[in-house]
C-alpha atoms as a PDB file:
ATOM      1  CA  MET A   1     -42.572 -66.305  52.614  1.00  0.00           C
ATOM      2  CA  GLY A   2     -44.092 -69.403  54.238  1.00  0.00           C
ATOM      3  CA  VAL A   3     -46.894 -71.231  52.524  1.00  0.00           C
ATOM      4  CA  PHE A   4     -47.667 -68.199  50.338  1.00  0.00           C
ATOM      5  CA  VAL A   5     -45.013 -69.370  47.898  1.00  0.00           C
ATOM      6  CA  PHE A   6     -47.083 -72.473  47.146  1.00  0.00           C
ATOM      7  CA  LEU A   7     -50.407 -70.683  46.525  1.00  0.00           C
ATOM      8  CA  PRO A   8     -49.662 -69.543  42.932  1.00  0.00           C
ATOM      9  CA  LEU A   9     -49.006 -73.184  42.052  1.00  0.00           C
ATOM     10  CA  VAL A  10     -52.611 -74.194  42.867  1.00  0.00           C
ATOM     11  CA  LEU A  11     -54.586 -70.959  42.414  1.00  0.00           C
ATOM     12  CA  PRO A  12     -54.948 -71.581  38.627  1.00  0.00           C
ATOM     13  CA  LEU A  13     -57.724 -73.961  39.662  1.00  0.00           C
ATOM     14  CA  THR A  14     -59.868 -70.879  40.351  1.00  0.00           C
ATOM     15  CA  ALA A  15     -59.906 -70.073  36.622  1.00  0.00           C
ATOM     16  CA  LEU A  16     -61.415 -73.386  35.516  1.00  0.00           C
ATOM     17  CA  PRO A  17     -65.115 -72.543  36.162  1.00  0.00           C
ATOM     18  CA  ILE A  18     -64.993 -69.418  33.996  1.00  0.00           C
ATOM     19  CA  ALA A  19     -63.339 -71.277  31.100  1.00  0.00           C
ATOM     20  CA  ARG A  20     -66.556 -72.944  29.959  1.00  0.00           C
ATOM     21  CA  LEU A  21     -69.037 -70.353  31.184  1.00  0.00           C
ATOM     22  CA  ALA A  22     -67.300 -67.514  29.318  1.00  0.00           C
ATOM     23  CA  GLU A  23     -67.974 -69.316  26.026  1.00  0.00           C
ATOM     24  CA  HIS A  24     -71.735 -68.985  26.549  1.00  0.00           C
ATOM     25  CA  HIS A  25     -72.081 -65.666  28.378  1.00  0.00           C
ATOM     26  CA  LEU A  26     -69.463 -63.380  26.808  1.00  0.00           C
ATOM     27  CA  HIS A  27     -68.765 -62.210  23.289  1.00  0.00           C
ATOM     28  CA  PRO A  28     -66.112 -64.541  21.833  1.00  0.00           C
ATOM     29  CA  ARG A  29     -63.629 -61.680  21.496  1.00  0.00           C
ATOM     30  CA  ASN A  30     -63.980 -60.719  25.148  1.00  0.00           C
ATOM     31  CA  ALA A  31     -63.873 -64.357  26.264  1.00  0.00           C
ATOM     32  CA  ALA A  32     -60.648 -65.037  24.337  1.00  0.00           C
ATOM     33  CA  VAL A  33     -58.888 -61.938  25.671  1.00  0.00           C
ATOM     34  CA  LEU A  34     -60.103 -62.467  29.261  1.00  0.00           C
ATOM     35  CA  LEU A  35     -59.131 -66.145  29.428  1.00  0.00           C
ATOM     36  CA  THR A  36     -55.738 -65.532  27.829  1.00  0.00           C
ATOM     37  CA  SER A  37     -54.968 -62.665  30.210  1.00  0.00           C
ATOM     38  CA  VAL A  38     -55.914 -64.745  33.247  1.00  0.00           C
ATOM     39  CA  ALA A  39     -53.856 -67.698  31.989  1.00  0.00           C
ATOM     40  CA  VAL A  40     -50.763 -65.570  31.336  1.00  0.00           C
ATOM     41  CA  VAL A  41     -50.845 -63.861  34.747  1.00  0.00           C
ATOM     42  CA  LEU A  42     -51.417 -67.117  36.644  1.00  0.00           C
ATOM     43  CA  ALA A  43     -48.693 -68.894  34.664  1.00  0.00           C
ATOM     44  CA  ALA A  44     -46.220 -66.063  35.262  1.00  0.00           C
ATOM     45  CA  CYS A  45     -46.880 -66.088  39.018  1.00  0.00           C
ATOM     46  CA  SER A  46     -46.608 -69.880  39.142  1.00  0.00           C
ATOM     47  CA  THR A  47     -43.283 -69.880  37.287  1.00  0.00           C
ATOM     48  CA  PHE A  48     -41.972 -67.004  39.396  1.00  0.00           C
ATOM     49  CA  CYS A  49     -42.687 -68.862  42.633  1.00  0.00           C
ATOM     50  CA  LEU A  50     -41.000 -71.978  41.241  1.00  0.00           C
ATOM     51  CA  GLY A  51     -37.976 -69.759  40.687  1.00  0.00           C
ATOM     52  CA  LEU A  52     -38.088 -68.589  44.311  1.00  0.00           C
ATOM     53  CA  LEU A  53     -38.172 -72.193  45.483  1.00  0.00           C
ATOM     54  CA  VAL A  54     -35.256 -72.990  43.181  1.00  0.00           C
ATOM     55  CA  VAL A  55     -33.154 -70.274  44.843  1.00  0.00           C
ATOM     56  CA  VAL A  56     -33.546 -71.960  48.216  1.00  0.00           C
ATOM     57  CA  GLY A  57     -33.284 -75.465  46.794  1.00  0.00           C
ATOM     58  CA  THR A  58     -30.125 -74.674  44.837  1.00  0.00           C
ATOM     59  CA  ALA A  59     -28.483 -73.172  47.900  1.00  0.00           C
ATOM     60  CA  GLN A  60     -28.631 -76.587  49.578  1.00  0.00           C
ATOM     61  CA  LEU A  61     -26.704 -78.367  46.811  1.00  0.00           C
ATOM     62  CA  PRO A  62     -22.945 -78.909  47.221  1.00  0.00           C
ATOM     63  CA  GLY A  63     -20.797 -76.781  44.938  1.00  0.00           C
ATOM     64  CA  ASN A  64     -23.488 -74.227  44.171  1.00  0.00           C
ATOM     65  CA  PRO A  65     -22.246 -70.776  43.080  1.00  0.00           C
ATOM     66  CA  LEU A  66     -24.450 -68.949  45.596  1.00  0.00           C
ATOM     67  CA  PRO A  67     -23.070 -67.403  48.793  1.00  0.00           C
ATOM     68  CA  ASP A  68     -22.710 -69.898  51.639  1.00  0.00           C
ATOM     69  CA  SER A  69     -24.881 -67.734  53.848  1.00  0.00           C
ATOM     70  CA  TRP A  70     -27.868 -68.428  51.553  1.00  0.00           C
ATOM     71  CA  SER A  71     -28.044 -71.951  52.944  1.00  0.00           C
ATOM     72  CA  ASP A  72     -28.168 -70.764  56.582  1.00  0.00           C
ATOM     73  CA  PRO A  73     -31.085 -71.925  58.763  1.00  0.00           C
ATOM     74  CA  GLU A  74     -32.668 -68.484  58.474  1.00  0.00           C
ATOM     75  CA  VAL A  75     -32.960 -68.873  54.721  1.00  0.00           C
ATOM     76  CA  ARG A  76     -34.113 -72.493  54.897  1.00  0.00           C
ATOM     77  CA  ALA A  77     -36.800 -71.467  57.373  1.00  0.00           C
ATOM     78  CA  ALA A  78     -38.198 -69.001  54.838  1.00  0.00           C
ATOM     79  CA  VAL A  79     -39.644 -71.880  52.826  1.00  0.00           C
ATOM     80  CA  PRO A  80     -41.312 -74.800  54.621  1.00  0.00           C
ATOM     81  CA  TYR A  81     -40.065 -78.248  53.661  1.00  0.00           C
ATOM     82  CA  ASP A  82     -37.329 -76.640  51.571  1.00  0.00           C
ATOM     83  CA  GLU A  83     -35.277 -79.822  51.416  1.00  0.00           C
ATOM     84  CA  ILE A  84     -38.097 -81.468  49.455  1.00  0.00           C
ATOM     85  CA  ALA A  85     -39.906 -78.602  47.740  1.00  0.00           C
ATOM     86  CA  GLY A  86     -36.786 -76.609  46.922  1.00  0.00           C
ATOM     87  CA  LYS A  87     -35.038 -79.464  45.141  1.00  0.00           C
ATOM     88  CA  ALA A  88     -38.256 -80.653  43.465  1.00  0.00           C
ATOM     89  CA  ALA A  89     -38.747 -77.118  42.149  1.00  0.00           C
ATOM     90  CA  ILE A  90     -35.419 -77.356  40.325  1.00  0.00           C
ATOM     91  CA  VAL A  91     -36.724 -80.305  38.310  1.00  0.00           C
ATOM     92  CA  ALA A  92     -40.145 -78.707  37.824  1.00  0.00           C
ATOM     93  CA  LEU A  93     -38.722 -75.400  36.594  1.00  0.00           C
ATOM     94  CA  GLY A  94     -36.396 -77.258  34.244  1.00  0.00           C
ATOM     95  CA  LEU A  95     -39.364 -79.126  32.763  1.00  0.00           C
ATOM     96  CA  VAL A  96     -41.282 -75.867  32.360  1.00  0.00           C
ATOM     97  CA  VAL A  97     -38.393 -74.222  30.504  1.00  0.00           C
ATOM     98  CA  VAL A  98     -37.904 -77.222  28.230  1.00  0.00           C
ATOM     99  CA  ALA A  99     -41.633 -77.546  27.475  1.00  0.00           C
ATOM    100  CA  CYS A 100     -41.971 -73.831  26.664  1.00  0.00           C
ATOM    101  CA  ALA A 101     -38.835 -73.863  24.497  1.00  0.00           C
ATOM    102  CA  LEU A 102     -40.077 -76.878  22.527  1.00  0.00           C
ATOM    103  CA  THR A 103     -43.492 -75.267  22.044  1.00  0.00           C
ATOM    104  CA  VAL A 104     -42.011 -72.009  20.726  1.00  0.00           C
ATOM    105  CA  ARG A 105     -39.559 -73.933  18.532  1.00  0.00           C
ATOM    106  CA  ARG A 106     -42.332 -76.068  17.021  1.00  0.00           C
ATOM    107  CA  HIS A 107     -44.471 -72.973  16.416  1.00  0.00           C
ATOM    108  CA  LEU A 108     -41.692 -70.996  14.728  1.00  0.00           C
ATOM    109  CA  ARG A 109     -40.449 -73.970  12.720  1.00  0.00           C
ATOM    110  CA  PHE A 110     -43.915 -74.601  11.290  1.00  0.00           C
ATOM    111  CA  ARG A 111     -44.295 -70.947  10.328  1.00  0.00           C
ATOM    112  CA  PHE A 112     -40.836 -70.824   8.748  1.00  0.00           C
ATOM    113  CA  ARG A 113     -41.387 -73.988   6.717  1.00  0.00           C
ATOM    114  CA  ALA A 114     -44.861 -72.912   5.639  1.00  0.00           C
ATOM    115  CA  HIS A 115     -43.693 -69.468   4.481  1.00  0.00           C
ATOM    116  CA  ARG A 116     -40.723 -70.989   2.668  1.00  0.00           C
ATOM    117  CA  ALA A 117     -42.994 -73.470   0.898  1.00  0.00           C
ATOM    118  CA  LEU A 118     -45.353 -70.661  -0.126  1.00  0.00           C
ATOM    119  CA  ALA A 119     -42.606 -68.272  -1.232  1.00  0.00           C
ATOM    120  CA  GLY A 120     -42.775 -69.365  -4.860  1.00  0.00           C
ATOM    121  CA  LEU A 121     -46.545 -69.463  -5.133  1.00  0.00           C
ATOM    122  CA  ARG A 122     -48.513 -66.797  -6.942  1.00  0.00           C
ATOM    123  CA  SER A 123     -50.606 -64.891  -4.441  1.00  0.00           C
ATOM    124  CA  ASP A 124     -54.330 -64.626  -5.028  1.00  0.00           C
ATOM    125  CA  ALA A 125     -54.981 -61.713  -2.658  1.00  0.00           C
ATOM    126  CA  GLY A 126     -58.143 -59.785  -3.441  1.00  0.00           C
ATOM    127  CA  SER A 127     -58.506 -61.236  -6.932  1.00  0.00           C
ATOM    128  CA  GLY A 128     -61.982 -62.228  -8.076  1.00  0.00           C
ATOM    129  CA  PRO A 129     -65.250 -62.231  -6.202  1.00  0.00           C
ATOM    130  CA  ASP A 130     -64.360 -65.281  -4.132  1.00  0.00           C
ATOM    131  CA  ALA A 131     -61.421 -63.522  -2.487  1.00  0.00           C
ATOM    132  CA  GLY A 132     -63.750 -61.197  -0.625  1.00  0.00           C
ATOM    133  CA  SER A 133     -63.319 -58.142  -2.802  1.00  0.00           C
ATOM    134  CA  GLY A 134     -65.270 -55.235  -1.448  1.00  0.00           C
ATOM    135  CA  SER A 135     -66.130 -57.056   1.779  1.00  0.00           C
ATOM    136  CA  GLY A 136     -63.660 -55.546   4.198  1.00  0.00           C
ATOM    137  CA  SER A 137     -60.682 -57.766   3.346  1.00  0.00           C
ATOM    138  CA  ASP A 138     -57.209 -56.796   4.473  1.00  0.00           C
ATOM    139  CA  PRO A 139     -55.117 -56.010   1.353  1.00  0.00           C
ATOM    140  CA  ARG A 140     -51.924 -56.952   3.203  1.00  0.00           C
ATOM    141  CA  SER A 141     -53.050 -60.570   3.479  1.00  0.00           C
ATOM    142  CA  GLU A 142     -52.449 -62.981   0.638  1.00  0.00           C
ATOM    143  CA  VAL A 143     -54.454 -66.047  -0.314  1.00  0.00           C
ATOM    144  CA  ALA A 144     -52.238 -68.982  -1.250  1.00  0.00           C
ATOM    145  CA  VAL A 145     -54.184 -71.647  -3.109  1.00  0.00           C
ATOM    146  CA  LEU A 146     -52.480 -75.043  -2.947  1.00  0.00           C
ATOM    147  CA  ASP A 147     -53.184 -77.646  -5.579  1.00  0.00           C
ATOM    148  CA  ASP A 148     -54.210 -80.349  -3.147  1.00  0.00           C
ATOM    149  CA  GLU A 149     -57.287 -82.573  -3.188  1.00  0.00           C
ATOM    150  CA  GLN A 150     -57.327 -82.702   0.629  1.00  0.00           C
ATOM    151  CA  PRO A 151     -59.664 -79.938   1.870  1.00  0.00           C
ATOM    152  CA  TYR A 152     -58.144 -77.584   4.444  1.00  0.00           C
ATOM    153  CA  ALA A 153     -57.724 -73.881   5.164  1.00  0.00           C
ATOM    154  CA  TYR A 154     -55.815 -71.982   7.828  1.00  0.00           C
ATOM    155  CA  ALA A 155     -54.348 -68.568   8.591  1.00  0.00           C
ATOM    156  CA  LEU A 156     -50.566 -68.314   8.531  1.00  0.00           C
ATOM    157  CA  PRO A 157     -49.333 -65.186  10.381  1.00  0.00           C
ATOM    158  CA  GLY A 158     -46.307 -63.229   9.224  1.00  0.00           C
ATOM    159  CA  SER A 159     -45.366 -60.120   7.266  1.00  0.00           C
ATOM    160  CA  PRO A 160     -47.619 -60.247   5.389  1.00  0.00           C
ATOM    161  CA  GLY A 161     -49.993 -62.854   6.749  1.00  0.00           C
ATOM    162  CA  ARG A 162     -51.097 -65.594   4.397  1.00  0.00           C
ATOM    163  CA  ILE A 163     -54.339 -67.504   4.043  1.00  0.00           C
ATOM    164  CA  VAL A 164     -53.571 -71.046   2.976  1.00  0.00           C
ATOM    165  CA  VAL A 165     -56.435 -72.880   1.302  1.00  0.00           C
ATOM    166  CA  SER A 166     -56.441 -76.006  -0.831  1.00  0.00           C
ATOM    167  CA  THR A 167     -58.260 -76.504  -4.107  1.00  0.00           C
ATOM    168  CA  GLY A 168     -60.025 -79.406  -2.407  1.00  0.00           C
ATOM    169  CA  MET A 169     -61.534 -77.018   0.138  1.00  0.00           C
ATOM    170  CA  LEU A 170     -62.566 -74.487  -2.496  1.00  0.00           C
ATOM    171  CA  SER A 171     -64.276 -77.182  -4.541  1.00  0.00           C
ATOM    172  CA  CYS A 172     -66.446 -78.101  -1.544  1.00  0.00           C
ATOM    173  CA  LEU A 173     -67.888 -74.594  -1.176  1.00  0.00           C
ATOM    174  CA  ASP A 174     -69.892 -72.284  -3.390  1.00  0.00           C
ATOM    175  CA  ALA A 175     -68.937 -68.664  -4.025  1.00  0.00           C
ATOM    176  CA  ALA A 176     -70.756 -67.228  -0.998  1.00  0.00           C
ATOM    177  CA  GLU A 177     -69.288 -69.872   1.304  1.00  0.00           C
ATOM    178  CA  ARG A 178     -65.795 -69.163  -0.019  1.00  0.00           C
ATOM    179  CA  ARG A 179     -66.228 -65.519   0.895  1.00  0.00           C
ATOM    180  CA  ALA A 180     -67.220 -66.589   4.406  1.00  0.00           C
ATOM    181  CA  LEU A 181     -64.172 -68.853   4.641  1.00  0.00           C
ATOM    182  CA  LEU A 182     -61.760 -66.103   3.570  1.00  0.00           C
ATOM    183  CA  ALA A 183     -63.425 -63.561   5.873  1.00  0.00           C
ATOM    184  CA  HIS A 184     -63.031 -66.050   8.739  1.00  0.00           C
ATOM    185  CA  GLU A 185     -59.311 -66.502   8.072  1.00  0.00           C
ATOM    186  CA  ARG A 186     -58.737 -62.767   7.638  1.00  0.00           C
ATOM    187  CA  ALA A 187     -60.333 -62.275  11.046  1.00  0.00           C
ATOM    188  CA  HIS A 188     -57.732 -64.653  12.520  1.00  0.00           C
ATOM    189  CA  LEU A 189     -54.929 -62.592  10.986  1.00  0.00           C
ATOM    190  CA  ALA A 190     -56.423 -59.215  11.937  1.00  0.00           C
ATOM    191  CA  GLY A 191     -57.091 -60.330  15.517  1.00  0.00           C
ATOM    192  CA  ARG A 192     -53.612 -61.837  15.975  1.00  0.00           C
ATOM    193  CA  HIS A 193     -55.271 -64.994  17.230  1.00  0.00           C
ATOM    194  CA  HIS A 194     -52.043 -66.969  16.873  1.00  0.00           C
ATOM    195  CA  ARG A 195     -50.568 -64.902  19.694  1.00  0.00           C
ATOM    196  CA  LEU A 196     -53.458 -65.714  22.012  1.00  0.00           C
ATOM    197  CA  LEU A 197     -53.236 -69.416  21.157  1.00  0.00           C
ATOM    198  CA  LEU A 198     -49.471 -69.505  21.674  1.00  0.00           C
ATOM    199  CA  ALA A 199     -49.716 -67.579  24.958  1.00  0.00           C
ATOM    200  CA  VAL A 200     -52.310 -69.924  26.451  1.00  0.00           C
ATOM    201  CA  GLN A 201     -50.357 -72.942  25.191  1.00  0.00           C
ATOM    202  CA  LEU A 202     -47.229 -71.683  26.988  1.00  0.00           C
ATOM    203  CA  ALA A 203     -49.323 -71.052  30.096  1.00  0.00           C
ATOM    204  CA  GLY A 204     -50.387 -74.703  30.010  1.00  0.00           C
ATOM    205  CA  CYS A 205     -46.727 -75.713  29.806  1.00  0.00           C
ATOM    206  CA  ALA A 206     -45.958 -73.584  32.862  1.00  0.00           C
ATOM    207  CA  ASN A 207     -48.793 -75.020  34.959  1.00  0.00           C
ATOM    208  CA  PRO A 208     -50.835 -78.121  34.029  1.00  0.00           C
ATOM    209  CA  PHE A 209     -53.888 -76.697  35.822  1.00  0.00           C
ATOM    210  CA  LEU A 210     -54.137 -74.091  33.051  1.00  0.00           C
ATOM    211  CA  ARG A 211     -54.344 -76.574  30.179  1.00  0.00           C
ATOM    212  CA  PRO A 212     -58.171 -76.605  30.063  1.00  0.00           C
ATOM    213  CA  LEU A 213     -58.052 -72.901  29.206  1.00  0.00           C
ATOM    214  CA  ARG A 214     -56.339 -73.737  25.922  1.00  0.00           C
ATOM    215  CA  ALA A 215     -59.429 -75.505  24.562  1.00  0.00           C
ATOM    216  CA  ALA A 216     -61.630 -72.627  25.736  1.00  0.00           C
ATOM    217  CA  VAL A 217     -59.435 -69.989  24.056  1.00  0.00           C
ATOM    218  CA  THR A 218     -59.238 -72.076  20.859  1.00  0.00           C
ATOM    219  CA  TYR A 219     -63.022 -72.274  20.722  1.00  0.00           C
ATOM    220  CA  SER A 220     -63.406 -68.567  21.525  1.00  0.00           C
ATOM    221  CA  THR A 221     -61.013 -67.485  18.752  1.00  0.00           C
ATOM    222  CA  GLU A 222     -62.886 -69.676  16.261  1.00  0.00           C
ATOM    223  CA  ARG A 223     -66.208 -68.180  17.364  1.00  0.00           C
ATOM    224  CA  TRP A 224     -64.660 -64.704  17.174  1.00  0.00           C
ATOM    225  CA  ALA A 225     -63.640 -65.349  13.560  1.00  0.00           C
ATOM    226  CA  ASP A 226     -67.049 -66.891  12.813  1.00  0.00           C
ATOM    227  CA  GLU A 227     -68.808 -63.765  14.042  1.00  0.00           C
ATOM    228  CA  GLU A 228     -66.510 -61.540  11.988  1.00  0.00           C
ATOM    229  CA  ALA A 229     -67.184 -63.661   8.905  1.00  0.00           C
ATOM    230  CA  ALA A 230     -70.927 -63.408   9.520  1.00  0.00           C
ATOM    231  CA  ARG A 231     -70.638 -59.635   9.900  1.00  0.00           C
ATOM    232  CA  VAL A 232     -68.590 -59.261   6.706  1.00  0.00           C
ATOM    233  CA  THR A 233     -70.795 -61.502   4.575  1.00  0.00           C
ATOM    234  CA  GLY A 234     -73.977 -60.198   6.165  1.00  0.00           C
ATOM    235  CA  ASP A 235     -75.459 -63.683   6.417  1.00  0.00           C
ATOM    236  CA  ARG A 236     -75.056 -65.885   9.487  1.00  0.00           C
ATOM    237  CA  ARG A 237     -76.646 -68.890   7.762  1.00  0.00           C
ATOM    238  CA  ILE A 238     -74.146 -68.869   4.914  1.00  0.00           C
ATOM    239  CA  THR A 239     -71.289 -68.724   7.409  1.00  0.00           C
ATOM    240  CA  ALA A 240     -72.782 -71.577   9.430  1.00  0.00           C
ATOM    241  CA  ARG A 241     -73.224 -73.607   6.258  1.00  0.00           C
ATOM    242  CA  ALA A 242     -69.616 -72.963   5.240  1.00  0.00           C
ATOM    243  CA  VAL A 243     -68.323 -74.099   8.649  1.00  0.00           C
ATOM    244  CA  GLY A 244     -70.475 -77.212   8.604  1.00  0.00           C
ATOM    245  CA  LYS A 245     -69.627 -78.223   5.031  1.00  0.00           C
ATOM    246  CA  ALA A 246     -65.915 -77.627   5.544  1.00  0.00           C
ATOM    247  CA  ALA A 247     -65.974 -79.788   8.674  1.00  0.00           C
ATOM    248  CA  LEU A 248     -67.646 -82.639   6.804  1.00  0.00           C
ATOM    249  CA  PHE A 249     -64.961 -82.763   4.120  1.00  0.00           C
ATOM    250  CA  SER A 250     -61.823 -81.524   5.841  1.00  0.00           C
ATOM    251  CA  ARG A 251     -59.107 -83.339   7.704  1.00  0.00           C
ATOM    252  CA  ARG A 252     -57.195 -82.045  10.731  1.00  0.00           C
ATOM    253  CA  VAL A 253     -54.141 -80.028   9.684  1.00  0.00           C
ATOM    254  CA  ALA A 254     -51.127 -79.838  12.017  1.00  0.00           C
ATOM    255  CA  THR A 255     -50.867 -76.093  12.673  1.00  0.00           C
ATOM    256  CA  PRO A 256     -49.112 -75.504  16.030  1.00  0.00           C
ATOM    257  CA  GLY A 257     -50.534 -72.370  17.636  1.00  0.00           C
ATOM    258  CA  LEU A 258     -52.443 -71.452  14.474  1.00  0.00           C
ATOM    259  CA  ALA A 259     -56.129 -71.520  13.572  1.00  0.00           C
ATOM    260  CA  ALA A 260     -57.680 -73.883  11.022  1.00  0.00           C
ATOM    261  CA  PHE A 261     -61.114 -73.198   9.533  1.00  0.00           C
ATOM    262  CA  ALA A 262     -62.990 -76.408  10.290  1.00  0.00           C
ATOM    263  CA  SER A 263     -60.740 -78.462  12.560  1.00  0.00           C
ATOM    264  CA  ALA A 264     -60.517 -76.270  15.667  1.00  0.00           C
ATOM    265  CA  GLY A 265     -63.244 -76.167  18.275  1.00  0.00           C
ATOM    266  CA  PRO A 266     -66.498 -78.169  18.500  1.00  0.00           C
ATOM    267  CA  VAL A 267     -68.013 -77.557  15.049  1.00  0.00           C
ATOM    268  CA  PRO A 268     -71.656 -78.380  15.995  1.00  0.00           C
ATOM    269  CA  ARG A 269     -71.541 -75.778  18.765  1.00  0.00           C
ATOM    270  CA  ARG A 270     -70.074 -73.214  16.386  1.00  0.00           C
ATOM    271  CA  VAL A 271     -72.796 -73.873  13.815  1.00  0.00           C
ATOM    272  CA  ALA A 272     -75.516 -73.712  16.461  1.00  0.00           C
ATOM    273  CA  ALA A 273     -74.148 -70.393  17.732  1.00  0.00           C
ATOM    274  CA  LEU A 274     -74.141 -68.945  14.214  1.00  0.00           C
ATOM    275  CA  LEU A 275     -77.748 -69.999  13.717  1.00  0.00           C
ATOM    276  CA  GLY A 276     -78.656 -68.181  16.930  1.00  0.00           C
ATOM    277  CA  PRO A 277     -78.659 -64.457  17.727  1.00  0.00           C
ATOM    278  CA  VAL A 278     -75.567 -62.255  17.746  1.00  0.00           C
ATOM    279  CA  PRO A 279     -73.785 -62.715  21.110  1.00  0.00           C
ATOM    280  CA  PRO A 280     -73.880 -59.823  23.591  1.00  0.00           C
ATOM    281  CA  ARG A 281     -70.964 -57.411  23.502  1.00  0.00           C
ATOM    282  CA  ARG A 282     -70.605 -57.054  27.273  1.00  0.00           C
ATOM    283  CA  SER A 283     -67.056 -57.481  28.585  1.00  0.00           C
ATOM    284  CA  TRP A 284     -68.131 -58.844  31.985  1.00  0.00           C
ATOM    285  CA  PRO A 285     -71.102 -61.064  32.814  1.00  0.00           C
ATOM    286  CA  PRO A 286     -73.716 -59.874  35.371  1.00  0.00           C
ATOM    287  CA  ALA A 287     -72.451 -60.382  38.921  1.00  0.00           C
ATOM    288  CA  LEU A 288     -75.452 -62.392  40.148  1.00  0.00           C
ATOM    289  CA  THR A 289     -75.184 -65.062  37.435  1.00  0.00           C
ATOM    290  CA  ARG A 290     -73.114 -68.245  37.448  1.00  0.00           C
ATOM    291  CA  ALA A 291     -70.769 -66.759  34.863  1.00  0.00           C
ATOM    292  CA  GLY A 292     -70.439 -63.562  36.881  1.00  0.00           C
ATOM    293  CA  MET A 293     -69.568 -65.422  40.069  1.00  0.00           C
ATOM    294  CA  ALA A 294     -67.099 -67.630  38.200  1.00  0.00           C
ATOM    295  CA  ALA A 295     -65.471 -64.529  36.719  1.00  0.00           C
ATOM    296  CA  CYS A 296     -65.184 -62.995  40.189  1.00  0.00           C
ATOM    297  CA  VAL A 297     -63.587 -66.185  41.516  1.00  0.00           C
ATOM    298  CA  ALA A 298     -61.106 -66.188  38.633  1.00  0.00           C
ATOM    299  CA  ALA A 299     -60.305 -62.511  39.208  1.00  0.00           C
ATOM    300  CA  ALA A 300     -59.857 -63.106  42.945  1.00  0.00           C
ATOM    301  CA  GLY A 301     -57.607 -66.104  42.283  1.00  0.00           C
ATOM    302  CA  THR A 302     -55.508 -64.091  39.842  1.00  0.00           C
ATOM    303  CA  ALA A 303     -55.163 -61.220  42.320  1.00  0.00           C
ATOM    304  CA  ALA A 304     -54.318 -63.607  45.177  1.00  0.00           C
ATOM    305  CA  SER A 305     -51.723 -65.344  43.030  1.00  0.00           C
ATOM    306  CA  THR A 306     -50.085 -62.027  42.156  1.00  0.00           C
ATOM    307  CA  LEU A 307     -50.062 -60.834  45.775  1.00  0.00           C
ATOM    308  CA  SER A 308     -48.702 -64.192  46.988  1.00  0.00           C
ATOM    309  CA  ALA A 309     -45.871 -64.061  44.465  1.00  0.00           C
ATOM    310  CA  LEU A 310     -44.980 -60.491  45.463  1.00  0.00           C
ATOM    311  CA  ASN A 311     -45.184 -61.335  49.166  1.00  0.00           C
ATOM    312  CA  SER A 312     -42.916 -64.372  48.719  1.00  0.00           C
ATOM    313  CA  ALA A 313     -40.410 -62.405  46.664  1.00  0.00           C
ATOM    314  CA  LEU A 314     -40.265 -59.593  49.220  1.00  0.00           C
ATOM    315  CA  ALA A 315     -39.918 -62.014  52.145  1.00  0.00           C
ATOM    316  CA  LEU A 316     -37.121 -63.960  50.459  1.00  0.00           C
ATOM    317  CA  PHE A 317     -35.361 -60.734  49.483  1.00  0.00           C
ATOM    318  CA  VAL A 318     -35.415 -59.510  53.085  1.00  0.00           C
ATOM    319  CA  VAL A 319     -34.123 -62.853  54.378  1.00  0.00           C
ATOM    320  CA  LEU A 320     -31.335 -63.107  51.797  1.00  0.00           C
ATOM    321  CA  GLU A 321     -30.302 -59.487  52.320  1.00  0.00           C
ATOM    322  CA  ALA A 322     -30.001 -60.130  56.064  1.00  0.00           C
ATOM    323  CA  ALA A 323     -28.096 -63.381  55.487  1.00  0.00           C
ATOM    324  CA  THR A 324     -25.659 -62.007  52.886  1.00  0.00           C
ATOM    325  CA  PRO A 325     -22.536 -60.444  54.384  1.00  0.00           C
ATOM    326  CA  LEU A 326     -21.585 -56.956  53.222  1.00  0.00           C
END
């Protein structure tokens, strides 16, 4: 196993250059999916290798339930500096599990409370011109209008998904801008953006080096929804105006792992992108560009992390099988 067991813990650094470049050189949909996939694979390999270190570290502790032969010199030699790294991995893996559990709990608790609070509200789905009738709206989604002067709007996933919007937000926008807002939120629900956001958030809990990818995925999902809203409404300027006006009047809403209309992502960059041309639909940037080279580095780092994790697992399995009596 050797030093290969430590590589997946630092290889997430190879994904950082592509995080920002993907926002400018890939379609937002492709950027969000690519960055989330890279983050999940790197986080899984990192956590897996922490688990391998824990096996060796736990075997050194008195009273452990593992076979005595697992603490033989042959096993300890499989991981360099096992007396330090092995025991430190126990603490690190415990922190990862706790952080991920708290993140999932906070996400599910918010969704449960929000759905329970909306259970008694009359749904507004598809009613009236402002609900996006005839503009490609998903009939399974419901628009819940809250009587609140504070302007906000966000997509609440579930069965069915809900679009939560306050009367304060609706009063800030005209009819065309409301259609853009609802199309934006329906794009979040249709694209299952909450799953991407939760996945990259958990990846950041598993390895701190992956935390910058969360901001990049958040921005990419917002841009993805912006582009869908512009496509549905047929007017990029109206969508840009809706985003800008909503940002001026709205406040940040606490929506763990969810997507809010005007509080997520750098709003000026989103508006500028909407006022520009439609982004290219390519799934991979040209190889001889900065974005292409960064993508290749991220792909190589992801592949190396996966191979290192498999190599470490196989090496430890062989050592433990040889050390365990029949």
